[in-house]
């Protein structure tokens, strides 16, 4: 039997995986209430929460042992991402670890401050690199920003960080002009550098998809708990098909997205050339389904759900906004089509 045969079919968690996810679930439950999320909205970033998260080893775990990290697998990282989505944590963990992993892969990890999260790194997660100024999800708080410029992968630093722009995902997003950077360093060039950048894009999509899985699961919990306490004609509204069926659809979305994300993570780590469409597919699936699920959760709560102070509203805007941080998900769908078409043409 092929030693990978079982893993292509079985993506259940080990005891170590369960312990890892439980630890981060408890961390965010303790340190990231909905009030913490709301308080961070003006900047899109909670520095205290970030420092606590880094002290827990969330940044070092993601990096290879060759640069001083703990060498966690991508499946491990999806578990942390789920808990970030579940809590709506206002920290740029996904952007930072993906950009730091890219630097490590290209031999550009020059600072221990990046390893431990003291210095933040962001990058441009759009499939098609725009010319000139571009929106960067963590651009207003990053110390370094990684972008593509033709065949170069470039690290930018700014003496004065770009100003945050308002956005539906409440992210620390900013317009970044590479030409205005105070420092511009070419990390690597050529096809291998661009291939490494594409790998980073896939990792960003994978972890964002996992975060959206956690977001939808918590949204479903909020809606279900509400539906169990509201009555019509003497019965809980959760017993009505108009409520119970959408809640069932949310559960299907969670399990489908979670399975696809873990499958994509395993292939990306172990056989990256075998199923390269899985990571972007997980992202496209969750980008569409998370918005639908969060919208339904708001509808289930009726007038309360659409109020500004409702938790369901906070989840809705992020379900829509986080998926757009990397540009139009349709560009990723086109990328998937290109992968599949190229494979079919070889067969």
C-alpha atoms as a PDB file:
ATOM      1  CA  UNK A   1       0.000   0.000   0.000  1.00  0.00           C
ATOM      2  CA  UNK A   2       1.173   3.519  -0.822  1.00  0.00           C
ATOM      3  CA  UNK A   3       2.151   5.086   2.530  1.00  0.00           C
ATOM      4  CA  UNK A   4       0.047   8.142   1.643  1.00  0.00           C
ATOM      5  CA  UNK A   5      -3.037   6.199   0.591  1.00  0.00           C
ATOM      6  CA  UNK A   6      -4.820   6.384   3.943  1.00  0.00           C
ATOM      7  CA  UNK A   7      -4.016  10.063   4.417  1.00  0.00           C
ATOM      8  CA  UNK A   8      -5.639  10.871   1.102  1.00  0.00           C
ATOM      9  CA  UNK A   9      -8.899   9.627   2.616  1.00  0.00           C
ATOM     10  CA  UNK A  10      -8.644  10.149   6.376  1.00  0.00           C
ATOM     11  CA  UNK A  11      -8.216  13.673   7.720  1.00  0.00           C
ATOM     12  CA  UNK A  12      -9.376  13.091  11.283  1.00  0.00           C
ATOM     13  CA  UNK A  13      -7.383  14.825  14.011  1.00  0.00           C
ATOM     14  CA  UNK A  14      -4.810  13.174  16.248  1.00  0.00           C
ATOM     15  CA  UNK A  15      -4.809  13.735  20.009  1.00  0.00           C
ATOM     16  CA  UNK A  16      -2.025  16.287  19.555  1.00  0.00           C
ATOM     17  CA  UNK A  17      -4.136  18.163  17.022  1.00  0.00           C
ATOM     18  CA  UNK A  18      -7.103  18.199  19.388  1.00  0.00           C
ATOM     19  CA  UNK A  19      -4.932  19.488  22.245  1.00  0.00           C
ATOM     20  CA  UNK A  20      -3.507  22.197  20.005  1.00  0.00           C
ATOM     21  CA  UNK A  21      -6.912  23.430  18.879  1.00  0.00           C
ATOM     22  CA  UNK A  22      -8.307  23.264  22.416  1.00  0.00           C
ATOM     23  CA  UNK A  23      -5.439  25.409  23.700  1.00  0.00           C
ATOM     24  CA  UNK A  24      -6.065  28.138  21.134  1.00  0.00           C
ATOM     25  CA  UNK A  25      -9.823  27.929  21.542  1.00  0.00           C
ATOM     26  CA  UNK A  26      -9.396  28.569  25.261  1.00  0.00           C
ATOM     27  CA  UNK A  27      -6.879  31.341  24.597  1.00  0.00           C
ATOM     28  CA  UNK A  28      -9.245  33.311  22.395  1.00  0.00           C
ATOM     29  CA  UNK A  29     -12.213  32.598  24.643  1.00  0.00           C
ATOM     30  CA  UNK A  30     -10.257  34.135  27.525  1.00  0.00           C
ATOM     31  CA  UNK A  31      -8.633  37.069  25.756  1.00  0.00           C
ATOM     32  CA  UNK A  32     -10.864  37.932  22.775  1.00  0.00           C
ATOM     33  CA  UNK A  33     -14.450  38.701  23.724  1.00  0.00           C
ATOM     34  CA  UNK A  34     -16.810  40.422  21.289  1.00  0.00           C
ATOM     35  CA  UNK A  35     -16.136  43.630  23.238  1.00  0.00           C
ATOM     36  CA  UNK A  36     -12.421  43.241  22.491  1.00  0.00           C
ATOM     37  CA  UNK A  37     -13.263  42.792  18.809  1.00  0.00           C
ATOM     38  CA  UNK A  38     -15.449  45.910  18.766  1.00  0.00           C
ATOM     39  CA  UNK A  39     -12.855  48.025  20.590  1.00  0.00           C
ATOM     40  CA  UNK A  40     -10.216  47.177  17.972  1.00  0.00           C
ATOM     41  CA  UNK A  41     -12.339  48.173  14.966  1.00  0.00           C
ATOM     42  CA  UNK A  42     -10.924  51.722  14.521  1.00  0.00           C
ATOM     43  CA  UNK A  43      -7.395  50.370  13.919  1.00  0.00           C
ATOM     44  CA  UNK A  44      -8.240  46.789  12.948  1.00  0.00           C
ATOM     45  CA  UNK A  45      -5.571  45.566  15.359  1.00  0.00           C
ATOM     46  CA  UNK A  46      -5.313  44.719  19.045  1.00  0.00           C
ATOM     47  CA  UNK A  47      -1.631  45.035  19.955  1.00  0.00           C
ATOM     48  CA  UNK A  48      -2.066  43.501  23.403  1.00  0.00           C
ATOM     49  CA  UNK A  49      -3.833  40.454  21.980  1.00  0.00           C
ATOM     50  CA  UNK A  50      -1.127  40.103  19.331  1.00  0.00           C
ATOM     51  CA  UNK A  51       1.637  40.163  21.940  1.00  0.00           C
ATOM     52  CA  UNK A  52      -0.163  37.530  24.012  1.00  0.00           C
ATOM     53  CA  UNK A  53      -0.637  35.377  20.917  1.00  0.00           C
ATOM     54  CA  UNK A  54       3.040  35.653  19.984  1.00  0.00           C
ATOM     55  CA  UNK A  55       4.062  34.807  23.554  1.00  0.00           C
ATOM     56  CA  UNK A  56       2.031  31.622  23.192  1.00  0.00           C
ATOM     57  CA  UNK A  57       4.229  30.656  20.225  1.00  0.00           C
ATOM     58  CA  UNK A  58       1.678  31.147  17.461  1.00  0.00           C
ATOM     59  CA  UNK A  59       4.186  32.807  15.131  1.00  0.00           C
ATOM     60  CA  UNK A  60       7.237  30.641  15.809  1.00  0.00           C
ATOM     61  CA  UNK A  61       5.234  27.414  15.459  1.00  0.00           C
ATOM     62  CA  UNK A  62       4.443  28.296  11.852  1.00  0.00           C
ATOM     63  CA  UNK A  63       8.045  28.611  10.685  1.00  0.00           C
ATOM     64  CA  UNK A  64      10.514  25.864   9.746  1.00  0.00           C
ATOM     65  CA  UNK A  65      13.085  24.640  12.239  1.00  0.00           C
ATOM     66  CA  UNK A  66      15.841  25.796   9.883  1.00  0.00           C
ATOM     67  CA  UNK A  67      15.125  29.425  10.853  1.00  0.00           C
ATOM     68  CA  UNK A  68      14.378  28.780  14.522  1.00  0.00           C
ATOM     69  CA  UNK A  69      10.699  27.879  14.262  1.00  0.00           C
ATOM     70  CA  UNK A  70       8.824  24.815  15.455  1.00  0.00           C
ATOM     71  CA  UNK A  71       8.042  23.333  12.034  1.00  0.00           C
ATOM     72  CA  UNK A  72       4.267  23.015  12.416  1.00  0.00           C
ATOM     73  CA  UNK A  73       2.345  21.437   9.557  1.00  0.00           C
ATOM     74  CA  UNK A  74      -0.281  23.280   7.557  1.00  0.00           C
ATOM     75  CA  UNK A  75      -2.960  21.118   9.200  1.00  0.00           C
ATOM     76  CA  UNK A  76      -1.728  22.483  12.548  1.00  0.00           C
ATOM     77  CA  UNK A  77      -2.008  26.017  11.215  1.00  0.00           C
ATOM     78  CA  UNK A  78      -5.559  25.510   9.950  1.00  0.00           C
ATOM     79  CA  UNK A  79      -6.584  24.667  13.522  1.00  0.00           C
ATOM     80  CA  UNK A  80      -5.241  27.990  14.800  1.00  0.00           C
ATOM     81  CA  UNK A  81      -6.860  29.810  11.871  1.00  0.00           C
ATOM     82  CA  UNK A  82     -10.245  28.257  12.731  1.00  0.00           C
ATOM     83  CA  UNK A  83     -10.051  29.699  16.229  1.00  0.00           C
ATOM     84  CA  UNK A  84      -9.073  33.121  14.891  1.00  0.00           C
ATOM     85  CA  UNK A  85     -12.181  33.037  12.709  1.00  0.00           C
ATOM     86  CA  UNK A  86     -14.374  31.733  15.519  1.00  0.00           C
ATOM     87  CA  UNK A  87     -13.374  34.660  17.756  1.00  0.00           C
ATOM     88  CA  UNK A  88     -13.018  37.316  14.989  1.00  0.00           C
ATOM     89  CA  UNK A  89      -9.604  37.994  16.522  1.00  0.00           C
ATOM     90  CA  UNK A  90      -8.267  41.402  15.377  1.00  0.00           C
ATOM     91  CA  UNK A  91      -4.731  40.145  14.729  1.00  0.00           C
ATOM     92  CA  UNK A  92      -2.951  39.701  11.356  1.00  0.00           C
ATOM     93  CA  UNK A  93      -1.723  36.193  12.173  1.00  0.00           C
ATOM     94  CA  UNK A  94      -2.529  34.696   8.764  1.00  0.00           C
ATOM     95  CA  UNK A  95      -0.850  37.497   6.825  1.00  0.00           C
ATOM     96  CA  UNK A  96       2.192  37.496   9.081  1.00  0.00           C
ATOM     97  CA  UNK A  97       2.895  33.755   9.179  1.00  0.00           C
ATOM     98  CA  UNK A  98       2.343  33.329   5.439  1.00  0.00           C
ATOM     99  CA  UNK A  99       4.673  36.243   4.632  1.00  0.00           C
ATOM    100  CA  UNK A 100       7.264  35.037   7.167  1.00  0.00           C
ATOM    101  CA  UNK A 101       7.130  31.501   5.739  1.00  0.00           C
ATOM    102  CA  UNK A 102       7.697  32.994   2.280  1.00  0.00           C
ATOM    103  CA  UNK A 103      10.755  34.895   3.516  1.00  0.00           C
ATOM    104  CA  UNK A 104      12.085  31.720   5.118  1.00  0.00           C
ATOM    105  CA  UNK A 105      11.588  29.777   1.880  1.00  0.00           C
ATOM    106  CA  UNK A 106      13.459  32.427  -0.093  1.00  0.00           C
ATOM    107  CA  UNK A 107      16.297  32.823   2.403  1.00  0.00           C
ATOM    108  CA  UNK A 108      15.152  36.306   3.381  1.00  0.00           C
ATOM    109  CA  UNK A 109      14.506  35.693   7.084  1.00  0.00           C
ATOM    110  CA  UNK A 110      17.074  38.099   8.489  1.00  0.00           C
ATOM    111  CA  UNK A 111      15.500  39.095  11.780  1.00  0.00           C
ATOM    112  CA  UNK A 112      14.465  37.147  14.865  1.00  0.00           C
ATOM    113  CA  UNK A 113      11.941  39.941  15.436  1.00  0.00           C
ATOM    114  CA  UNK A 114       9.970  38.604  12.473  1.00  0.00           C
ATOM    115  CA  UNK A 115      10.190  35.073  13.822  1.00  0.00           C
ATOM    116  CA  UNK A 116       8.706  36.007  17.182  1.00  0.00           C
ATOM    117  CA  UNK A 117       6.241  38.556  15.824  1.00  0.00           C
ATOM    118  CA  UNK A 118       7.845  41.671  17.279  1.00  0.00           C
ATOM    119  CA  UNK A 119       8.025  42.968  13.717  1.00  0.00           C
ATOM    120  CA  UNK A 120       4.988  42.362  11.536  1.00  0.00           C
ATOM    121  CA  UNK A 121       5.198  41.234   7.925  1.00  0.00           C
ATOM    122  CA  UNK A 122       2.374  41.530   5.394  1.00  0.00           C
ATOM    123  CA  UNK A 123       2.099  40.699   1.729  1.00  0.00           C
ATOM    124  CA  UNK A 124      -0.121  41.199  -1.297  1.00  0.00           C
ATOM    125  CA  UNK A 125      -2.483  38.188  -1.560  1.00  0.00           C
ATOM    126  CA  UNK A 126      -3.988  38.999  -4.959  1.00  0.00           C
ATOM    127  CA  UNK A 127      -3.671  36.374  -7.673  1.00  0.00           C
ATOM    128  CA  UNK A 128      -2.827  38.964 -10.321  1.00  0.00           C
ATOM    129  CA  UNK A 129      -0.262  41.457  -9.067  1.00  0.00           C
ATOM    130  CA  UNK A 130      -1.520  44.972  -9.798  1.00  0.00           C
ATOM    131  CA  UNK A 131       0.796  47.637 -11.141  1.00  0.00           C
ATOM    132  CA  UNK A 132       1.561  50.480  -8.769  1.00  0.00           C
ATOM    133  CA  UNK A 133      -0.521  51.176  -5.676  1.00  0.00           C
ATOM    134  CA  UNK A 134      -2.397  48.232  -4.214  1.00  0.00           C
ATOM    135  CA  UNK A 135      -4.525  47.359  -1.168  1.00  0.00           C
ATOM    136  CA  UNK A 136      -2.663  45.286   1.418  1.00  0.00           C
ATOM    137  CA  UNK A 137      -4.774  43.638   4.166  1.00  0.00           C
ATOM    138  CA  UNK A 138      -2.317  44.385   7.008  1.00  0.00           C
ATOM    139  CA  UNK A 139      -0.666  47.333   5.303  1.00  0.00           C
ATOM    140  CA  UNK A 140      -1.364  49.939   8.001  1.00  0.00           C
ATOM    141  CA  UNK A 141       0.407  48.025  10.802  1.00  0.00           C
ATOM    142  CA  UNK A 142       3.158  46.023   9.050  1.00  0.00           C
ATOM    143  CA  UNK A 143       6.850  46.756   9.489  1.00  0.00           C
ATOM    144  CA  UNK A 144       7.640  44.952   6.220  1.00  0.00           C
ATOM    145  CA  UNK A 145       5.467  44.293   3.181  1.00  0.00           C
ATOM    146  CA  UNK A 146       6.242  41.599   0.591  1.00  0.00           C
ATOM    147  CA  UNK A 147       5.057  42.169  -2.985  1.00  0.00           C
ATOM    148  CA  UNK A 148       5.748  40.916  -6.502  1.00  0.00           C
ATOM    149  CA  UNK A 149       7.260  43.244  -9.059  1.00  0.00           C
ATOM    150  CA  UNK A 150       7.532  41.535 -12.444  1.00  0.00           C
ATOM    151  CA  UNK A 151       9.830  38.552 -11.730  1.00  0.00           C
ATOM    152  CA  UNK A 152      11.063  39.908  -8.375  1.00  0.00           C
ATOM    153  CA  UNK A 153       9.819  39.286  -4.857  1.00  0.00           C
ATOM    154  CA  UNK A 154      10.439  42.540  -3.027  1.00  0.00           C
ATOM    155  CA  UNK A 155      10.410  43.570   0.637  1.00  0.00           C
ATOM    156  CA  UNK A 156       9.225  47.114   1.321  1.00  0.00           C
ATOM    157  CA  UNK A 157       9.597  49.183   4.470  1.00  0.00           C
ATOM    158  CA  UNK A 158       8.103  52.581   5.216  1.00  0.00           C
ATOM    159  CA  UNK A 159       9.301  55.235   7.631  1.00  0.00           C
ATOM    160  CA  UNK A 160       5.688  56.224   8.136  1.00  0.00           C
ATOM    161  CA  UNK A 161       3.177  53.423   7.788  1.00  0.00           C
ATOM    162  CA  UNK A 162       0.397  53.915   5.222  1.00  0.00           C
ATOM    163  CA  UNK A 163      -2.905  55.104   6.685  1.00  0.00           C
ATOM    164  CA  UNK A 164      -5.636  52.555   7.356  1.00  0.00           C
ATOM    165  CA  UNK A 165      -8.599  52.723   5.006  1.00  0.00           C
ATOM    166  CA  UNK A 166     -12.121  51.792   6.065  1.00  0.00           C
ATOM    167  CA  UNK A 167     -13.202  48.365   4.865  1.00  0.00           C
ATOM    168  CA  UNK A 168     -16.043  45.948   5.480  1.00  0.00           C
ATOM    169  CA  UNK A 169     -13.785  43.307   7.032  1.00  0.00           C
ATOM    170  CA  UNK A 170     -12.523  45.755   9.684  1.00  0.00           C
ATOM    171  CA  UNK A 171      -8.958  44.832   8.700  1.00  0.00           C
ATOM    172  CA  UNK A 172      -5.883  47.068   9.121  1.00  0.00           C
ATOM    173  CA  UNK A 173      -5.945  47.545   5.349  1.00  0.00           C
ATOM    174  CA  UNK A 174      -4.035  50.293   3.547  1.00  0.00           C
ATOM    175  CA  UNK A 175      -3.199  51.516   0.083  1.00  0.00           C
ATOM    176  CA  UNK A 176       0.490  50.755  -0.475  1.00  0.00           C
ATOM    177  CA  UNK A 177       2.579  52.368  -3.194  1.00  0.00           C
ATOM    178  CA  UNK A 178       5.816  50.377  -3.682  1.00  0.00           C
ATOM    179  CA  UNK A 179       7.427  53.408  -5.307  1.00  0.00           C
ATOM    180  CA  UNK A 180       6.928  55.403  -2.104  1.00  0.00           C
ATOM    181  CA  UNK A 181       8.737  52.914   0.147  1.00  0.00           C
ATOM    182  CA  UNK A 182      11.707  54.170   2.134  1.00  0.00           C
ATOM    183  CA  UNK A 183      13.500  50.874   1.555  1.00  0.00           C
ATOM    184  CA  UNK A 184      13.119  48.364  -1.268  1.00  0.00           C
ATOM    185  CA  UNK A 185      14.997  45.052  -1.096  1.00  0.00           C
ATOM    186  CA  UNK A 186      14.808  42.325  -3.729  1.00  0.00           C
ATOM    187  CA  UNK A 187      14.492  39.081  -1.760  1.00  0.00           C
ATOM    188  CA  UNK A 188      14.610  36.774  -4.779  1.00  0.00           C
ATOM    189  CA  UNK A 189      14.035  36.801  -8.523  1.00  0.00           C
ATOM    190  CA  UNK A 190      13.049  34.484 -11.313  1.00  0.00           C
ATOM    191  CA  UNK A 191      10.660  31.556 -11.785  1.00  0.00           C
ATOM    192  CA  UNK A 192      11.525  29.879  -8.480  1.00  0.00           C
ATOM    193  CA  UNK A 193      10.817  33.076  -6.570  1.00  0.00           C
ATOM    194  CA  UNK A 194       7.454  33.491  -8.279  1.00  0.00           C
ATOM    195  CA  UNK A 195       6.623  29.827  -7.618  1.00  0.00           C
ATOM    196  CA  UNK A 196       7.350  30.387  -3.922  1.00  0.00           C
ATOM    197  CA  UNK A 197       5.078  33.433  -3.981  1.00  0.00           C
ATOM    198  CA  UNK A 198       2.315  31.342  -5.565  1.00  0.00           C
ATOM    199  CA  UNK A 199       2.768  28.797  -2.776  1.00  0.00           C
ATOM    200  CA  UNK A 200       2.344  31.637  -0.258  1.00  0.00           C
ATOM    201  CA  UNK A 201      -0.856  32.710  -2.007  1.00  0.00           C
ATOM    202  CA  UNK A 202      -2.195  29.164  -1.671  1.00  0.00           C
ATOM    203  CA  UNK A 203      -1.287  29.100   2.020  1.00  0.00           C
ATOM    204  CA  UNK A 204      -3.024  32.442   2.582  1.00  0.00           C
ATOM    205  CA  UNK A 205      -6.163  31.169   0.850  1.00  0.00           C
ATOM    206  CA  UNK A 206      -6.060  27.915   2.790  1.00  0.00           C
ATOM    207  CA  UNK A 207      -5.743  29.614   6.184  1.00  0.00           C
ATOM    208  CA  UNK A 208      -8.354  32.220   5.287  1.00  0.00           C
ATOM    209  CA  UNK A 209     -10.725  29.407   4.309  1.00  0.00           C
ATOM    210  CA  UNK A 210     -10.059  27.720   7.666  1.00  0.00           C
ATOM    211  CA  UNK A 211     -10.731  30.996   9.482  1.00  0.00           C
ATOM    212  CA  UNK A 212     -14.041  31.297   7.641  1.00  0.00           C
ATOM    213  CA  UNK A 213     -14.923  27.749   8.749  1.00  0.00           C
ATOM    214  CA  UNK A 214     -14.491  28.806  12.373  1.00  0.00           C
ATOM    215  CA  UNK A 215     -16.434  31.989  11.705  1.00  0.00           C
ATOM    216  CA  UNK A 216     -19.383  30.089  10.208  1.00  0.00           C
ATOM    217  CA  UNK A 217     -19.420  27.548  13.032  1.00  0.00           C
ATOM    218  CA  UNK A 218     -19.648  30.290  15.648  1.00  0.00           C
ATOM    219  CA  UNK A 219     -22.252  32.136  13.579  1.00  0.00           C
ATOM    220  CA  UNK A 220     -24.283  28.925  13.437  1.00  0.00           C
ATOM    221  CA  UNK A 221     -23.989  28.546  17.213  1.00  0.00           C
ATOM    222  CA  UNK A 222     -25.201  32.103  17.794  1.00  0.00           C
ATOM    223  CA  UNK A 223     -28.176  31.590  15.481  1.00  0.00           C
ATOM    224  CA  UNK A 224     -29.056  28.161  16.903  1.00  0.00           C
ATOM    225  CA  UNK A 225     -28.973  29.356  20.503  1.00  0.00           C
ATOM    226  CA  UNK A 226     -31.237  32.251  19.596  1.00  0.00           C
ATOM    227  CA  UNK A 227     -33.647  29.981  17.720  1.00  0.00           C
ATOM    228  CA  UNK A 228     -33.967  27.667  20.734  1.00  0.00           C
ATOM    229  CA  UNK A 229     -35.102  30.502  23.001  1.00  0.00           C
ATOM    230  CA  UNK A 230     -37.671  32.157  20.707  1.00  0.00           C
ATOM    231  CA  UNK A 231     -41.183  30.722  20.403  1.00  0.00           C
ATOM    232  CA  UNK A 232     -44.044  31.046  17.952  1.00  0.00           C
ATOM    233  CA  UNK A 233     -47.415  29.334  18.424  1.00  0.00           C
ATOM    234  CA  UNK A 234     -45.999  27.654  21.491  1.00  0.00           C
ATOM    235  CA  UNK A 235     -43.004  25.992  19.832  1.00  0.00           C
ATOM    236  CA  UNK A 236     -39.348  27.062  19.453  1.00  0.00           C
ATOM    237  CA  UNK A 237     -38.733  28.703  16.082  1.00  0.00           C
ATOM    238  CA  UNK A 238     -35.866  26.219  15.642  1.00  0.00           C
ATOM    239  CA  UNK A 239     -38.482  23.544  14.888  1.00  0.00           C
ATOM    240  CA  UNK A 240     -39.731  25.424  11.821  1.00  0.00           C
ATOM    241  CA  UNK A 241     -38.354  24.325   8.460  1.00  0.00           C
ATOM    242  CA  UNK A 242     -37.555  27.919   7.485  1.00  0.00           C
ATOM    243  CA  UNK A 243     -35.145  28.017  10.429  1.00  0.00           C
ATOM    244  CA  UNK A 244     -33.998  24.420  10.907  1.00  0.00           C
ATOM    245  CA  UNK A 245     -33.117  23.808   7.255  1.00  0.00           C
ATOM    246  CA  UNK A 246     -30.821  26.859   6.948  1.00  0.00           C
ATOM    247  CA  UNK A 247     -29.153  25.863  10.228  1.00  0.00           C
ATOM    248  CA  UNK A 248     -28.578  22.392   8.761  1.00  0.00           C
ATOM    249  CA  UNK A 249     -27.067  24.009   5.675  1.00  0.00           C
ATOM    250  CA  UNK A 250     -24.661  25.936   7.913  1.00  0.00           C
ATOM    251  CA  UNK A 251     -23.578  22.678   9.560  1.00  0.00           C
ATOM    252  CA  UNK A 252     -22.986  21.163   6.123  1.00  0.00           C
ATOM    253  CA  UNK A 253     -20.904  24.204   5.149  1.00  0.00           C
ATOM    254  CA  UNK A 254     -18.777  23.856   8.279  1.00  0.00           C
ATOM    255  CA  UNK A 255     -18.093  20.157   7.776  1.00  0.00           C
ATOM    256  CA  UNK A 256     -17.562  20.501   4.034  1.00  0.00           C
ATOM    257  CA  UNK A 257     -15.235  23.485   4.373  1.00  0.00           C
ATOM    258  CA  UNK A 258     -13.319  21.913   7.238  1.00  0.00           C
ATOM    259  CA  UNK A 259     -12.780  18.653   5.370  1.00  0.00           C
ATOM    260  CA  UNK A 260     -11.710  20.429   2.207  1.00  0.00           C
ATOM    261  CA  UNK A 261      -9.320  22.704   4.111  1.00  0.00           C
ATOM    262  CA  UNK A 262      -7.637  19.836   5.931  1.00  0.00           C
ATOM    263  CA  UNK A 263      -7.380  17.814   2.733  1.00  0.00           C
ATOM    264  CA  UNK A 264      -5.854  20.810   0.950  1.00  0.00           C
ATOM    265  CA  UNK A 265      -3.427  21.388   3.822  1.00  0.00           C
ATOM    266  CA  UNK A 266      -2.240  17.798   3.756  1.00  0.00           C
ATOM    267  CA  UNK A 267      -1.675  17.758   0.007  1.00  0.00           C
ATOM    268  CA  UNK A 268       0.038  21.152   0.049  1.00  0.00           C
ATOM    269  CA  UNK A 269       2.468  19.870   2.685  1.00  0.00           C
ATOM    270  CA  UNK A 270       3.053  16.371   1.319  1.00  0.00           C
ATOM    271  CA  UNK A 271       2.214  16.258  -2.393  1.00  0.00           C
ATOM    272  CA  UNK A 272       1.929  19.873  -3.536  1.00  0.00           C
ATOM    273  CA  UNK A 273       2.014  19.029  -7.231  1.00  0.00           C
ATOM    274  CA  UNK A 274      -0.661  16.334  -6.998  1.00  0.00           C
ATOM    275  CA  UNK A 275      -3.740  18.475  -6.193  1.00  0.00           C
ATOM    276  CA  UNK A 276      -2.758  22.164  -6.516  1.00  0.00           C
ATOM    277  CA  UNK A 277      -6.383  23.200  -7.009  1.00  0.00           C
ATOM    278  CA  UNK A 278      -7.484  22.148  -3.503  1.00  0.00           C
ATOM    279  CA  UNK A 279      -6.256  25.154  -1.501  1.00  0.00           C
ATOM    280  CA  UNK A 280      -7.740  27.790  -3.833  1.00  0.00           C
ATOM    281  CA  UNK A 281     -10.919  25.679  -4.076  1.00  0.00           C
ATOM    282  CA  UNK A 282     -11.314  25.709  -0.287  1.00  0.00           C
ATOM    283  CA  UNK A 283     -11.008  29.493  -0.382  1.00  0.00           C
ATOM    284  CA  UNK A 284     -13.547  29.994  -3.172  1.00  0.00           C
ATOM    285  CA  UNK A 285     -16.015  27.630  -1.494  1.00  0.00           C
ATOM    286  CA  UNK A 286     -15.809  29.322   1.901  1.00  0.00           C
ATOM    287  CA  UNK A 287     -15.757  32.827   0.402  1.00  0.00           C
ATOM    288  CA  UNK A 288     -19.192  32.154  -1.071  1.00  0.00           C
ATOM    289  CA  UNK A 289     -20.717  29.993   1.644  1.00  0.00           C
ATOM    290  CA  UNK A 290     -19.553  32.044   4.656  1.00  0.00           C
ATOM    291  CA  UNK A 291     -21.380  35.099   3.382  1.00  0.00           C
ATOM    292  CA  UNK A 292     -24.566  33.074   2.830  1.00  0.00           C
ATOM    293  CA  UNK A 293     -24.385  31.480   6.282  1.00  0.00           C
ATOM    294  CA  UNK A 294     -23.725  34.727   8.120  1.00  0.00           C
ATOM    295  CA  UNK A 295     -26.537  36.464   6.235  1.00  0.00           C
ATOM    296  CA  UNK A 296     -28.950  33.707   7.243  1.00  0.00           C
ATOM    297  CA  UNK A 297     -27.839  33.951  10.876  1.00  0.00           C
ATOM    298  CA  UNK A 298     -28.759  37.639  10.839  1.00  0.00           C
ATOM    299  CA  UNK A 299     -32.139  36.829   9.276  1.00  0.00           C
ATOM    300  CA  UNK A 300     -32.873  34.201  11.927  1.00  0.00           C
ATOM    301  CA  UNK A 301     -32.423  36.845  14.616  1.00  0.00           C
ATOM    302  CA  UNK A 302     -34.703  39.264  12.811  1.00  0.00           C
ATOM    303  CA  UNK A 303     -34.554  42.869  14.004  1.00  0.00           C
ATOM    304  CA  UNK A 304     -31.993  42.026  16.675  1.00  0.00           C
ATOM    305  CA  UNK A 305     -29.692  40.488  14.092  1.00  0.00           C
ATOM    306  CA  UNK A 306     -29.440  43.644  11.997  1.00  0.00           C
ATOM    307  CA  UNK A 307     -28.714  45.885  14.985  1.00  0.00           C
ATOM    308  CA  UNK A 308     -25.207  47.318  15.071  1.00  0.00           C
ATOM    309  CA  UNK A 309     -24.476  45.869  18.499  1.00  0.00           C
ATOM    310  CA  UNK A 310     -25.476  42.287  17.605  1.00  0.00           C
ATOM    311  CA  UNK A 311     -22.663  39.746  17.430  1.00  0.00           C
ATOM    312  CA  UNK A 312     -24.248  38.288  14.288  1.00  0.00           C
ATOM    313  CA  UNK A 313     -23.680  41.589  12.497  1.00  0.00           C
ATOM    314  CA  UNK A 314     -19.988  41.561  13.407  1.00  0.00           C
ATOM    315  CA  UNK A 315     -19.681  38.074  11.941  1.00  0.00           C
ATOM    316  CA  UNK A 316     -21.576  39.045   8.796  1.00  0.00           C
ATOM    317  CA  UNK A 317     -19.356  41.966   7.838  1.00  0.00           C
ATOM    318  CA  UNK A 318     -16.216  39.890   8.338  1.00  0.00           C
ATOM    319  CA  UNK A 319     -17.636  36.923   6.438  1.00  0.00           C
ATOM    320  CA  UNK A 320     -18.017  39.260   3.496  1.00  0.00           C
ATOM    321  CA  UNK A 321     -14.890  41.330   4.010  1.00  0.00           C
ATOM    322  CA  UNK A 322     -12.198  38.786   4.827  1.00  0.00           C
ATOM    323  CA  UNK A 323     -12.783  36.917   1.585  1.00  0.00           C
ATOM    324  CA  UNK A 324     -12.300  40.148  -0.372  1.00  0.00           C
ATOM    325  CA  UNK A 325      -8.959  40.966   1.258  1.00  0.00           C
ATOM    326  CA  UNK A 326      -7.222  39.077  -1.528  1.00  0.00           C
ATOM    327  CA  UNK A 327      -9.224  40.765  -4.266  1.00  0.00           C
ATOM    328  CA  UNK A 328     -12.153  39.293  -6.157  1.00  0.00           C
ATOM    329  CA  UNK A 329     -12.486  35.548  -5.364  1.00  0.00           C
ATOM    330  CA  UNK A 330     -13.475  35.141  -9.020  1.00  0.00           C
ATOM    331  CA  UNK A 331      -9.801  35.650  -9.922  1.00  0.00           C
ATOM    332  CA  UNK A 332      -8.994  32.636  -7.780  1.00  0.00           C
ATOM    333  CA  UNK A 333     -11.749  30.665  -9.537  1.00  0.00           C
ATOM    334  CA  UNK A 334     -10.120  31.494 -12.868  1.00  0.00           C
ATOM    335  CA  UNK A 335      -6.805  30.306 -11.447  1.00  0.00           C
ATOM    336  CA  UNK A 336      -8.431  26.985 -10.477  1.00  0.00           C
ATOM    337  CA  UNK A 337      -9.856  26.636 -13.973  1.00  0.00           C
ATOM    338  CA  UNK A 338      -6.371  27.134 -15.398  1.00  0.00           C
ATOM    339  CA  UNK A 339      -4.947  24.388 -13.177  1.00  0.00           C
ATOM    340  CA  UNK A 340      -7.679  21.922 -14.132  1.00  0.00           C
ATOM    341  CA  UNK A 341      -7.478  22.787 -17.840  1.00  0.00           C
ATOM    342  CA  UNK A 342      -3.712  22.313 -17.859  1.00  0.00           C
ATOM    343  CA  UNK A 343      -4.048  18.922 -16.192  1.00  0.00           C
ATOM    344  CA  UNK A 344      -6.763  17.781 -18.570  1.00  0.00           C
ATOM    345  CA  UNK A 345      -4.674  18.766 -21.568  1.00  0.00           C
ATOM    346  CA  UNK A 346      -1.903  16.432 -20.371  1.00  0.00           C
ATOM    347  CA  UNK A 347      -4.215  13.424 -20.025  1.00  0.00           C
END
